[in-house]
Each structure stands twice: as C-alpha cells, then as structure tokens.
Amino acid sequence: MPRIVLASQSKSRRTLLEDAGLTPTIIVSNVDEETDFFNAMTPQDMVIALAISKAHTVR
C-alpha cells in the first residue's frame, strides 16, 4: 500500500483516514492559509493551490 501523508494538523482529517483503515504519516506543512494570495482565489482554485503548496512543503 502506498504511503499516505497528511500535511495537516486536522484531527478530523486524520480520523477520517484512520476510520477508512489507513494509517497516515502526519507531516505538518506550516503553509499559511490566511494570506492575501490564497484569499483572492476562488474556493476551487484555493483548494488546489493549498494542496500543491502543502505537498511541495512536506516532500
């Protein structure tokens, strides 16, 4: 099974993965989600940009 990395401190996301039978590796990204850069985006673009930013930070 591939390694699952959760780049978040979210307890609810961790629980969701664990309830699905997965054991995520938690690596906090420390990406500041409350910047003007992200807040100027549509919700759809923000989700993608945050996911990419967090993935690059924790790899």
Protein backbone atom coordinates (compact mmCIF):
# COMPACT_ATOMS: atom_id res chain seq x y z
CA MET A 1 0.00 0.00 0.00
CA PRO A 2 1.35 3.48 -0.83
CA ARG A 3 2.36 5.78 2.00
CA ILE A 4 -0.34 8.33 2.83
CA VAL A 5 0.95 11.71 4.02
CA LEU A 6 -1.41 14.11 5.75
CA ALA A 7 0.13 17.59 5.54
CA SER A 8 -2.27 18.94 8.13
CA GLN A 9 -2.80 19.08 11.87
CA SER A 10 -6.51 18.48 11.37
CA LYS A 11 -7.74 15.87 13.80
CA SER A 12 -10.92 15.37 11.76
CA ARG A 13 -8.96 14.62 8.57
CA ARG A 14 -6.71 12.21 10.46
CA THR A 15 -9.73 10.47 11.98
CA LEU A 16 -11.40 10.23 8.57
CA LEU A 17 -8.36 8.47 7.12
CA GLU A 18 -8.00 6.18 10.13
CA ASP A 19 -11.70 5.29 10.00
CA ALA A 20 -11.13 4.28 6.37
CA GLY A 21 -8.47 1.84 7.54
CA LEU A 22 -5.49 4.00 6.56
CA THR A 23 -2.57 4.98 8.76
CA PRO A 24 -1.38 8.39 7.59
CA THR A 25 2.04 9.82 8.25
CA ILE A 26 1.49 13.30 9.70
CA ILE A 27 3.90 15.95 8.43
CA VAL A 28 2.76 19.47 9.26
CA SER A 29 3.32 21.79 6.31
CA ASN A 30 3.11 25.13 8.14
CA VAL A 31 1.64 26.71 5.00
CA ASP A 32 -0.12 29.95 5.96
CA GLU A 33 -3.61 29.54 4.55
CA GLU A 34 -4.72 33.04 5.56
CA THR A 35 -2.64 35.06 3.10
CA ASP A 36 -3.98 37.53 0.55
CA PHE A 37 -2.58 35.25 -2.16
CA PHE A 38 -4.88 32.38 -1.20
CA ASN A 39 -7.82 34.53 -0.09
CA ALA A 40 -8.00 36.21 -3.51
CA MET A 41 -8.72 32.85 -5.17
CA THR A 42 -11.99 31.12 -5.86
CA PRO A 43 -12.65 28.28 -3.42
CA GLN A 44 -11.90 25.74 -6.15
CA ASP A 45 -8.55 27.33 -7.01
CA MET A 46 -7.67 27.80 -3.34
CA VAL A 47 -8.13 24.09 -2.58
CA ILE A 48 -5.85 23.12 -5.45
CA ALA A 49 -3.22 25.76 -4.64
CA LEU A 50 -3.14 24.79 -0.96
CA ALA A 51 -2.84 21.10 -1.79
CA ILE A 52 0.06 21.76 -4.15
CA SER A 53 1.78 24.12 -1.70
CA LYS A 54 1.46 21.64 1.16
CA ALA A 55 2.64 18.75 -1.00
CA HIS A 56 5.76 20.62 -2.07
CA THR A 57 6.49 21.67 1.51
CA VAL A 58 6.36 18.17 3.01
CA ARG A 59 8.01 16.12 0.25
